[in-house]
PDB file of N, CA and C in Angstrom:
ATOM      1  N   MET A   1      11.238 -62.092-101.531  1.00  0.00           N
ATOM      2  CA  MET A   1      11.428 -62.993-100.443  1.00  0.00           C
ATOM      3  C   MET A   1      11.526 -64.683-101.141  1.00  0.00           C
ATOM      4  N   SER A   2      13.100 -65.314-100.982  1.00  0.00           N
ATOM      5  CA  SER A   2      12.455 -66.696-101.172  1.00  0.00           C
ATOM      6  C   SER A   2      12.455 -67.161-100.719  1.00  0.00           C
ATOM      7  N   ASP A   3      12.973 -67.161 -99.530  1.00  0.00           N
ATOM      8  CA  ASP A   3      12.367 -68.547 -98.856  1.00  0.00           C
ATOM      9  C   ASP A   3      11.116 -67.781 -97.555  1.00  0.00           C
ATOM     10  N   ILE A   4      10.026 -68.048 -97.420  1.00  0.00           N
ATOM     11  CA  ILE A   4       9.062 -67.553 -96.620  1.00  0.00           C
ATOM     12  C   ILE A   4       9.179 -68.341 -95.248  1.00  0.00           C
ATOM     13  N   GLU A   5       8.537 -68.473 -94.347  1.00  0.00           N
ATOM     14  CA  GLU A   5       8.357 -69.252 -93.226  1.00  0.00           C
ATOM     15  C   GLU A   5       7.038 -68.731 -92.347  1.00  0.00           C
ATOM     16  N   ARG A   6       5.682 -69.188 -92.078  1.00  0.00           N
ATOM     17  CA  ARG A   6       5.272 -69.166 -91.424  1.00  0.00           C
ATOM     18  C   ARG A   6       4.770 -69.020 -89.344  1.00  0.00           C
ATOM     19  N   LEU A   7       4.934 -68.508 -88.757  1.00  0.00           N
ATOM     20  CA  LEU A   7       5.623 -67.957 -88.043  1.00  0.00           C
ATOM     21  C   LEU A   7       3.844 -67.168 -86.995  1.00  0.00           C
ATOM     22  N   THR A   8       3.553 -67.735 -85.720  1.00  0.00           N
ATOM     23  CA  THR A   8       2.486 -67.468 -85.152  1.00  0.00           C
ATOM     24  C   THR A   8       3.496 -66.984 -83.626  1.00  0.00           C
ATOM     25  N   ILE A   9       2.767 -65.634 -84.128  1.00  0.00           N
ATOM     26  CA  ILE A   9       3.437 -64.554 -82.149  1.00  0.00           C
ATOM     27  C   ILE A   9       2.256 -64.609 -81.785  1.00  0.00           C
ATOM     28  N   THR A  10       1.927 -63.946 -80.457  1.00  0.00           N
ATOM     29  CA  THR A  10       1.283 -63.812 -79.445  1.00  0.00           C
ATOM     30  C   THR A  10       1.191 -62.384 -78.752  1.00  0.00           C
ATOM     31  N   LEU A  11       1.461 -61.319 -78.643  1.00  0.00           N
ATOM     32  CA  LEU A  11       1.249 -59.949 -78.610  1.00  0.00           C
ATOM     33  C   LEU A  11       0.290 -59.573 -77.226  1.00  0.00           C
ATOM     34  N   PRO A  12       0.787 -58.523 -76.632  1.00  0.00           N
ATOM     35  CA  PRO A  12       0.035 -58.551 -75.757  1.00  0.00           C
ATOM     36  C   PRO A  12      -1.342 -57.543 -75.996  1.00  0.00           C
ATOM     37  N   ALA A  13      -2.469 -57.473 -75.649  1.00  0.00           N
ATOM     38  CA  ALA A  13      -3.234 -56.596 -76.671  1.00  0.00           C
ATOM     39  C   ALA A  13      -3.587 -55.161 -77.108  1.00  0.00           C
ATOM     40  N   ASP A  14      -2.333 -54.330 -76.364  1.00  0.00           N
ATOM     41  CA  ASP A  14      -2.166 -53.167 -76.750  1.00  0.00           C
ATOM     42  C   ASP A  14      -1.402 -53.385 -78.022  1.00  0.00           C
ATOM     43  N   MET A  15      -0.450 -53.860 -78.050  1.00  0.00           N
ATOM     44  CA  MET A  15       0.913 -54.611 -79.200  1.00  0.00           C
ATOM     45  C   MET A  15      -0.015 -55.054 -80.317  1.00  0.00           C
ATOM     46  N   ALA A  16      -1.078 -55.685 -80.151  1.00  0.00           N
ATOM     47  CA  ALA A  16      -1.821 -56.214 -80.939  1.00  0.00           C
ATOM     48  C   ALA A  16      -3.023 -54.677 -82.287  1.00  0.00           C
ATOM     49  N   ALA A  17      -3.392 -53.872 -80.451  1.00  0.00           N
ATOM     50  CA  ALA A  17      -3.458 -52.842 -81.157  1.00  0.00           C
ATOM     51  C   ALA A  17      -3.069 -52.141 -82.143  1.00  0.00           C
ATOM     52  N   ILE A  18      -2.048 -51.412 -82.162  1.00  0.00           N
ATOM     53  CA  ILE A  18      -1.184 -51.016 -82.624  1.00  0.00           C
ATOM     54  C   ILE A  18      -1.565 -51.562 -83.697  1.00  0.00           C
ATOM     55  N   VAL A  19      -0.776 -52.793 -84.000  1.00  0.00           N
ATOM     56  CA  VAL A  19      -0.390 -53.170 -85.134  1.00  0.00           C
ATOM     57  C   VAL A  19      -1.682 -53.328 -85.970  1.00  0.00           C
ATOM     58  N   LYS A  20      -2.729 -53.653 -85.371  1.00  0.00           N
ATOM     59  CA  LYS A  20      -4.281 -53.594 -86.273  1.00  0.00           C
ATOM     60  C   LYS A  20      -4.302 -51.640 -86.782  1.00  0.00           C
ATOM     61  N   SER A  21      -3.997 -51.458 -85.504  1.00  0.00           N
ATOM     62  CA  SER A  21      -4.104 -49.769 -85.888  1.00  0.00           C
ATOM     63  C   SER A  21      -3.734 -49.488 -87.653  1.00  0.00           C
ATOM     64  N   ALA A  22      -2.117 -49.775 -87.532  1.00  0.00           N
ATOM     65  CA  ALA A  22      -1.495 -49.363 -88.429  1.00  0.00           C
ATOM     66  C   ALA A  22      -2.163 -50.311 -90.041  1.00  0.00           C
ATOM     67  N   VAL A  23      -2.533 -50.946 -90.475  1.00  0.00           N
ATOM     68  CA  VAL A  23      -2.945 -51.117 -91.008  1.00  0.00           C
ATOM     69  C   VAL A  23      -3.962 -51.561 -91.939  1.00  0.00           C
ATOM     70  N   GLU A  24      -4.766 -50.875 -91.171  1.00  0.00           N
ATOM     71  CA  GLU A  24      -6.631 -50.683 -90.989  1.00  0.00           C
ATOM     72  C   GLU A  24      -6.463 -49.020 -91.350  1.00  0.00           C
ATOM     73  N   ALA A  25      -5.635 -47.789 -90.831  1.00  0.00           N
ATOM     74  CA  ALA A  25      -4.783 -46.852 -91.372  1.00  0.00           C
ATOM     75  C   ALA A  25      -4.136 -47.042 -92.721  1.00  0.00           C
ATOM     76  N   GLY A  26      -3.949 -48.304 -93.417  1.00  0.00           N
ATOM     77  CA  GLY A  26      -3.703 -48.026 -94.519  1.00  0.00           C
ATOM     78  C   GLY A  26      -1.956 -48.192 -94.509  1.00  0.00           C
ATOM     79  N   ASP A  27      -1.592 -47.788 -93.735  1.00  0.00           N
ATOM     80  CA  ASP A  27       0.042 -47.461 -93.650  1.00  0.00           C
ATOM     81  C   ASP A  27       0.737 -48.612 -94.486  1.00  0.00           C
ATOM     82  N   TYR A  28       0.075 -49.831 -93.558  1.00  0.00           N
ATOM     83  CA  TYR A  28       0.902 -51.148 -94.109  1.00  0.00           C
ATOM     84  C   TYR A  28      -0.232 -52.111 -94.693  1.00  0.00           C
ATOM     85  N   ALA A  29      -0.227 -53.285 -95.677  1.00  0.00           N
ATOM     86  CA  ALA A  29      -1.048 -53.907 -96.371  1.00  0.00           C
ATOM     87  C   ALA A  29      -1.829 -54.986 -95.116  1.00  0.00           C
ATOM     88  N   SER A  30      -0.534 -55.262 -93.832  1.00  0.00           N
ATOM     89  CA  SER A  30      -1.304 -56.728 -93.682  1.00  0.00           C
ATOM     90  C   SER A  30      -0.108 -56.662 -92.390  1.00  0.00           C
ATOM     91  N   THR A  31      -0.635 -57.093 -91.722  1.00  0.00           N
ATOM     92  CA  THR A  31      -0.080 -57.614 -89.958  1.00  0.00           C
ATOM     93  C   THR A  31       1.421 -57.849 -90.315  1.00  0.00           C
ATOM     94  N   SER A  32       1.581 -59.295 -90.857  1.00  0.00           N
ATOM     95  CA  SER A  32       2.955 -59.309 -91.640  1.00  0.00           C
ATOM     96  C   SER A  32       4.245 -58.396 -91.818  1.00  0.00           C
ATOM     97  N   GLU A  33       3.094 -57.709 -92.750  1.00  0.00           N
ATOM     98  CA  GLU A  33       4.009 -56.147 -93.461  1.00  0.00           C
ATOM     99  C   GLU A  33       5.040 -55.623 -92.076  1.00  0.00           C
ATOM    100  N   VAL A  34       4.187 -55.001 -91.367  1.00  0.00           N
ATOM    101  CA  VAL A  34       3.836 -54.467 -90.184  1.00  0.00           C
ATOM    102  C   VAL A  34       5.338 -55.028 -89.150  1.00  0.00           C
ATOM    103  N   VAL A  35       4.995 -56.710 -89.057  1.00  0.00           N
ATOM    104  CA  VAL A  35       6.271 -57.094 -87.745  1.00  0.00           C
ATOM    105  C   VAL A  35       7.672 -57.256 -88.837  1.00  0.00           C
ATOM    106  N   ARG A  36       7.559 -56.962 -90.072  1.00  0.00           N
ATOM    107  CA  ARG A  36       8.665 -57.863 -90.845  1.00  0.00           C
ATOM    108  C   ARG A  36       9.293 -55.942 -91.216  1.00  0.00           C
ATOM    109  N   GLU A  37       9.021 -55.035 -90.914  1.00  0.00           N
ATOM    110  CA  GLU A  37       8.630 -53.354 -90.604  1.00  0.00           C
ATOM    111  C   GLU A  37       9.927 -53.580 -89.191  1.00  0.00           C
ATOM    112  N   ALA A  38       9.002 -54.201 -88.627  1.00  0.00           N
ATOM    113  CA  ALA A  38       9.892 -53.844 -86.557  1.00  0.00           C
ATOM    114  C   ALA A  38      10.701 -54.352 -87.249  1.00  0.00           C
ATOM    115  N   ILE A  39      10.770 -56.072 -86.814  1.00  0.00           N
ATOM    116  CA  ILE A  39      11.755 -57.010 -87.348  1.00  0.00           C
ATOM    117  C   ILE A  39      13.514 -55.932 -87.895  1.00  0.00           C
ATOM    118  N   ARG A  40      13.512 -55.588 -89.043  1.00  0.00           N
ATOM    119  CA  ARG A  40      14.064 -54.493 -89.813  1.00  0.00           C
ATOM    120  C   ARG A  40      14.576 -53.700 -89.061  1.00  0.00           C
ATOM    121  N   ASP A  41      13.383 -52.878 -87.899  1.00  0.00           N
ATOM    122  CA  ASP A  41      14.544 -51.942 -87.420  1.00  0.00           C
ATOM    123  C   ASP A  41      14.926 -52.322 -86.359  1.00  0.00           C
ATOM    124  N   TRP A  42      14.644 -53.050 -85.643  1.00  0.00           N
ATOM    125  CA  TRP A  42      15.069 -53.936 -84.481  1.00  0.00           C
ATOM    126  C   TRP A  42      17.002 -54.532 -84.822  1.00  0.00           C
ATOM    127  N   LYS A  43      16.809 -55.473 -86.079  1.00  0.00           N
ATOM    128  CA  LYS A  43      17.724 -55.473 -86.916  1.00  0.00           C
ATOM    129  C   LYS A  43      19.042 -54.419 -86.551  1.00  0.00           C
ATOM    130  N   MET A  44      18.633 -52.777 -87.326  1.00  0.00           N
ATOM    131  CA  MET A  44      19.266 -51.808 -87.399  1.00  0.00           C
ATOM    132  C   MET A  44      19.835 -51.504 -86.013  1.00  0.00           C
ATOM    133  N   LYS A  45      18.496 -51.434 -84.953  1.00  0.00           N
ATOM    134  CA  LYS A  45      19.521 -50.809 -84.375  1.00  0.00           C
ATOM    135  C   LYS A  45      19.802 -51.523 -83.569  1.00  0.00           C
ATOM    136  N   ARG A  46      19.766 -53.395 -83.301  1.00  0.00           N
ATOM    137  CA  ARG A  46      20.975 -53.841 -82.587  1.00  0.00           C
ATOM    138  C   ARG A  46      22.383 -54.198 -83.305  1.00  0.00           C
ATOM    139  N   ALA A  47      22.819 -54.013 -84.742  1.00  0.00           N
ATOM    140  CA  ALA A  47      23.646 -53.587 -85.538  1.00  0.00           C
ATOM    141  C   ALA A  47      24.591 -52.618 -84.791  1.00  0.00           C
ATOM    142  N   LEU A  48      23.990 -51.019 -84.866  1.00  0.00           N
ATOM    143  CA  LEU A  48      24.192 -49.979 -83.864  1.00  0.00           C
ATOM    144  C   LEU A  48      24.779 -50.625 -82.524  1.00  0.00           C
ATOM    145  N   GLN A  49      24.369 -51.070 -81.522  1.00  0.00           N
ATOM    146  CA  GLN A  49      24.753 -51.460 -80.210  1.00  0.00           C
ATOM    147  C   GLN A  49      25.789 -52.370 -80.350  1.00  0.00           C
ATOM    148  N   LEU A  50      25.847 -53.050 -81.419  1.00  0.00           N
ATOM    149  CA  LEU A  50      26.592 -54.044 -81.363  1.00  0.00           C
ATOM    150  C   LEU A  50      28.286 -53.491 -81.454  1.00  0.00           C
ATOM    151  N   GLN A  51      27.774 -52.258 -82.683  1.00  0.00           N
ATOM    152  CA  GLN A  51      28.741 -51.121 -82.359  1.00  0.00           C
ATOM    153  C   GLN A  51      29.529 -50.817 -81.549  1.00  0.00           C
ATOM    154  N   GLU A  52      28.526 -49.920 -81.288  1.00  0.00           N
ATOM    155  CA  GLU A  52      29.109 -49.241 -79.577  1.00  0.00           C
ATOM    156  C   GLU A  52      29.444 -50.483 -78.520  1.00  0.00           C
ATOM    157  N   LEU A  53      28.895 -51.444 -78.402  1.00  0.00           N
ATOM    158  CA  LEU A  53      29.835 -51.942 -77.765  1.00  0.00           C
ATOM    159  C   LEU A  53      30.745 -52.842 -77.908  1.00  0.00           C
ATOM    160  N   ALA A  54      31.257 -52.987 -79.337  1.00  0.00           N
ATOM    161  CA  ALA A  54      33.003 -53.425 -80.080  1.00  0.00           C
ATOM    162  C   ALA A  54      33.889 -52.150 -79.339  1.00  0.00           C
ATOM    163  N   ALA A  55      33.385 -50.923 -79.822  1.00  0.00           N
ATOM    164  CA  ALA A  55      33.841 -49.852 -79.863  1.00  0.00           C
ATOM    165  C   ALA A  55      34.574 -49.886 -78.255  1.00  0.00           C
ATOM    166  N   LEU A  56      33.326 -49.766 -77.331  1.00  0.00           N
ATOM    167  CA  LEU A  56      33.469 -49.486 -76.285  1.00  0.00           C
ATOM    168  C   LEU A  56      34.052 -50.905 -74.971  1.00  0.00           C
ATOM    169  N   LYS A  57      34.490 -51.543 -75.832  1.00  0.00           N
ATOM    170  CA  LYS A  57      35.755 -52.694 -75.837  1.00  0.00           C
ATOM    171  C   LYS A  57      37.102 -52.308 -75.711  1.00  0.00           C
ATOM    172  N   GLN A  58      36.360 -51.978 -77.489  1.00  0.00           N
ATOM    173  CA  GLN A  58      38.097 -51.294 -77.580  1.00  0.00           C
ATOM    174  C   GLN A  58      39.137 -50.459 -76.026  1.00  0.00           C
ATOM    175  N   ASP A  59      37.918 -49.179 -76.412  1.00  0.00           N
ATOM    176  CA  ASP A  59      38.457 -48.311 -75.284  1.00  0.00           C
ATOM    177  C   ASP A  59      38.408 -48.913 -74.205  1.00  0.00           C
ATOM    178  N   ILE A  60      38.226 -49.859 -73.507  1.00  0.00           N
ATOM    179  CA  ILE A  60      38.401 -50.712 -72.523  1.00  0.00           C
ATOM    180  C   ILE A  60      39.681 -51.469 -72.237  1.00  0.00           C
ATOM    181  N   ASP A  61      40.155 -51.644 -73.725  1.00  0.00           N
ATOM    182  CA  ASP A  61      41.928 -52.523 -73.954  1.00  0.00           C
ATOM    183  C   ASP A  61      42.689 -51.890 -73.381  1.00  0.00           C
ATOM    184  N   LYS A  62      42.468 -51.044 -74.534  1.00  0.00           N
ATOM    185  CA  LYS A  62      43.266 -49.679 -74.501  1.00  0.00           C
ATOM    186  C   LYS A  62      43.759 -49.035 -73.146  1.00  0.00           C
ATOM    187  N   GLY A  63      42.302 -48.908 -72.841  1.00  0.00           N
ATOM    188  CA  GLY A  63      42.427 -47.971 -70.771  1.00  0.00           C
ATOM    189  C   GLY A  63      43.380 -49.561 -70.309  1.00  0.00           C
ATOM    190  N   LEU A  64      43.146 -50.791 -69.981  1.00  0.00           N
ATOM    191  CA  LEU A  64      44.240 -51.745 -69.550  1.00  0.00           C
ATOM    192  C   LEU A  64      45.824 -51.562 -70.257  1.00  0.00           C
ATOM    193  N   ALA A  65      45.399 -51.198 -71.320  1.00  0.00           N
ATOM    194  CA  ALA A  65      46.721 -51.541 -71.573  1.00  0.00           C
ATOM    195  C   ALA A  65      47.498 -50.511 -71.500  1.00  0.00           C
ATOM    196  N   ASP A  66      47.429 -49.335 -71.346  1.00  0.00           N
ATOM    197  CA  ASP A  66      48.034 -48.392 -70.720  1.00  0.00           C
ATOM    198  C   ASP A  66      47.851 -48.346 -69.125  1.00  0.00           C
ATOM    199  N   VAL A  67      47.235 -48.854 -68.327  1.00  0.00           N
ATOM    200  CA  VAL A  67      47.108 -49.420 -66.930  1.00  0.00           C
ATOM    201  C   VAL A  67      48.632 -49.634 -66.868  1.00  0.00           C
ATOM    202  N   ALA A  68      48.432 -51.437 -67.813  1.00  0.00           N
ATOM    203  CA  ALA A  68      49.461 -52.517 -67.817  1.00  0.00           C
ATOM    204  C   ALA A  68      50.959 -52.216 -67.724  1.00  0.00           C
ATOM    205  N   ALA A  69      51.249 -50.946 -68.838  1.00  0.00           N
ATOM    206  CA  ALA A  69      52.079 -50.270 -69.099  1.00  0.00           C
ATOM    207  C   ALA A  69      52.792 -48.955 -68.371  1.00  0.00           C
ATOM    208  N   GLY A  70      52.204 -49.025 -67.710  1.00  0.00           N
ATOM    209  CA  GLY A  70      52.162 -48.145 -67.062  1.00  0.00           C
ATOM    210  C   GLY A  70      52.033 -46.289 -67.029  1.00  0.00           C
ATOM    211  N   ARG A  71      51.680 -46.721 -68.208  1.00  0.00           N
ATOM    212  CA  ARG A  71      50.595 -45.085 -68.625  1.00  0.00           C
ATOM    213  C   ARG A  71      49.295 -45.071 -67.867  1.00  0.00           C
ATOM    214  N   VAL A  72      49.859 -44.292 -66.508  1.00  0.00           N
ATOM    215  CA  VAL A  72      48.795 -43.594 -65.860  1.00  0.00           C
ATOM    216  C   VAL A  72      49.125 -42.273 -65.127  1.00  0.00           C
ATOM    217  N   ARG A  73      47.985 -42.016 -64.637  1.00  0.00           N
ATOM    218  CA  ARG A  73      47.956 -40.104 -64.181  1.00  0.00           C
ATOM    219  C   ARG A  73      47.375 -40.754 -62.299  1.00  0.00           C
ATOM    220  N   GLU A  74      47.961 -39.937 -61.652  1.00  0.00           N
ATOM    221  CA  GLU A  74      47.005 -40.044 -60.483  1.00  0.00           C
ATOM    222  C   GLU A  74      45.886 -39.105 -60.626  1.00  0.00           C
ATOM    223  N   PHE A  75      44.705 -40.232 -59.838  1.00  0.00           N
ATOM    224  CA  PHE A  75      43.402 -39.318 -60.108  1.00  0.00           C
ATOM    225  C   PHE A  75      43.237 -38.517 -58.771  1.00  0.00           C
ATOM    226  N   ASP A  76      42.475 -36.901 -59.751  1.00  0.00           N
ATOM    227  CA  ASP A  76      42.382 -35.879 -59.152  1.00  0.00           C
ATOM    228  C   ASP A  76      40.662 -35.662 -59.301  1.00  0.00           C
ATOM    229  N   ALA A  77      40.314 -35.789 -58.709  1.00  0.00           N
ATOM    230  CA  ALA A  77      38.615 -36.072 -58.543  1.00  0.00           C
ATOM    231  C   ALA A  77      37.971 -34.274 -58.702  1.00  0.00           C
ATOM    232  N   GLU A  78      38.818 -33.849 -57.783  1.00  0.00           N
ATOM    233  CA  GLU A  78      39.049 -31.439 -57.877  1.00  0.00           C
ATOM    234  C   GLU A  78      39.542 -31.367 -59.200  1.00  0.00           C
ATOM    235  N   ALA A  79      40.282 -31.754 -59.837  1.00  0.00           N
ATOM    236  CA  ALA A  79      40.127 -31.143 -61.118  1.00  0.00           C
ATOM    237  C   ALA A  79      39.222 -31.499 -62.757  1.00  0.00           C
ATOM    238  N   ILE A  80      38.706 -32.890 -61.859  1.00  0.00           N
ATOM    239  CA  ILE A  80      37.001 -33.411 -63.062  1.00  0.00           C
ATOM    240  C   ILE A  80      36.034 -32.775 -62.365  1.00  0.00           C
ATOM    241  N   ILE A  81      36.112 -32.720 -61.327  1.00  0.00           N
ATOM    242  CA  ILE A  81      34.808 -31.725 -61.331  1.00  0.00           C
ATOM    243  C   ILE A  81      35.333 -30.542 -61.777  1.00  0.00           C
ATOM    244  N   ALA A  82      36.458 -29.337 -61.654  1.00  0.00           N
ATOM    245  CA  ALA A  82      36.323 -28.242 -61.994  1.00  0.00           C
ATOM    246  C   ALA A  82      36.380 -28.279 -63.427  1.00  0.00           C
ATOM    247  N   ARG A  83      37.200 -29.142 -64.179  1.00  0.00           N
ATOM    248  CA  ARG A  83      36.871 -28.556 -65.786  1.00  0.00           C
ATOM    249  C   ARG A  83      35.498 -29.041 -66.241  1.00  0.00           C
ATOM    250  N   GLY A  84      34.731 -30.277 -65.444  1.00  0.00           N
ATOM    251  CA  GLY A  84      32.975 -30.254 -65.713  1.00  0.00           C
ATOM    252  C   GLY A  84      32.471 -29.317 -65.739  1.00  0.00           C
ATOM    253  N   ARG A  85      32.947 -28.376 -64.271  1.00  0.00           N
ATOM    254  CA  ARG A  85      31.769 -27.472 -63.980  1.00  0.00           C
ATOM    255  C   ARG A  85      32.174 -26.165 -65.317  1.00  0.00           C
ATOM    256  N   LYS A  86      33.991 -25.963 -65.830  1.00  0.00           N
ATOM    257  CA  LYS A  86      33.617 -25.366 -66.952  1.00  0.00           C
ATOM    258  C   LYS A  86      33.096 -25.218 -67.968  1.00  0.00           C
ATOM    259  N   LEU A  87      32.870 -26.736 -68.507  1.00  0.00           N
ATOM    260  CA  LEU A  87      33.310 -26.704 -69.642  1.00  0.00           C
ATOM    261  C   LEU A  87      30.936 -26.956 -69.748  1.00  0.00           C
ATOM    262  N   LEU A  88      30.107 -27.220 -68.651  1.00  0.00           N
ATOM    263  CA  LEU A  88      28.603 -26.472 -68.050  1.00  0.00           C
ATOM    264  C   LEU A  88      28.907 -24.857 -68.340  1.00  0.00           C
ATOM    265  N   ALA A  89      29.249 -24.477 -67.428  1.00  0.00           N
ATOM    266  CA  ALA A  89      29.519 -23.181 -68.066  1.00  0.00           C
ATOM    267  C   ALA A  89      29.941 -22.634 -69.119  1.00  0.00           C
ATOM    268  N   ASP A  90      30.566 -22.889 -69.715  1.00  0.00           N
ATOM    269  CA  ASP A  90      30.790 -22.568 -71.505  1.00  0.00           C
ATOM    270  C   ASP A  90      29.939 -22.842 -71.890  1.00  0.00           C
ATOM    271  N   ARG A  91      29.223 -23.870 -72.055  1.00  0.00           N
ATOM    272  CA  ARG A  91      27.728 -24.400 -72.688  1.00  0.00           C
ATOM    273  C   ARG A  91      27.203 -23.657 -73.119  1.00  0.00           C
ATOM    274  N   SER A  92      26.680 -23.109 -71.668  1.00  0.00           N
ATOM    275  CA  SER A  92      25.277 -22.416 -70.840  1.00  0.00           C
ATOM    276  C   SER A  92      26.006 -21.408 -71.756  1.00  0.00           C
ATOM    277  N   LYS A  93      26.389 -20.163 -71.939  1.00  0.00           N
ATOM    278  CA  LYS A  93      27.550 -19.322 -72.316  1.00  0.00           C
ATOM    279  C   LYS A  93      27.191 -19.476 -73.933  1.00  0.00           C
ATOM    280  N   SER A  94      27.249 -20.435 -74.301  1.00  0.00           N
ATOM    281  CA  SER A  94      26.439 -20.136 -76.107  1.00  0.00           C
ATOM    282  C   SER A  94      25.798 -20.360 -76.270  1.00  0.00           C
ATOM    283  N   VAL A  95      24.495 -20.882 -75.231  1.00  0.00           N
ATOM    284  CA  VAL A  95      22.921 -21.039 -76.102  1.00  0.00           C
ATOM    285  C   VAL A  95      22.419 -20.372 -75.889  1.00  0.00           C
TER     286      VAL A  95
END
């Protein structure tokens, strides 16, 4: 780590106990290591969330473009319900 900045954080007692316990158990050399790993995990999770959000936005844009171009079908709730029930039944048979 070329640039290190010292931060002071405040945690609820239960979280602080978890961090201290991980260090005392030897899983980490310091509380800073625990926090660094937690932030790395958060960054990875956040990146995945952003990817999923971008994909969802793409799907929404595609759907809106389809509507604008007139590529729509009549909404048939009964057909959707029947399809869902069939999928559930098929899934139950395969288990």
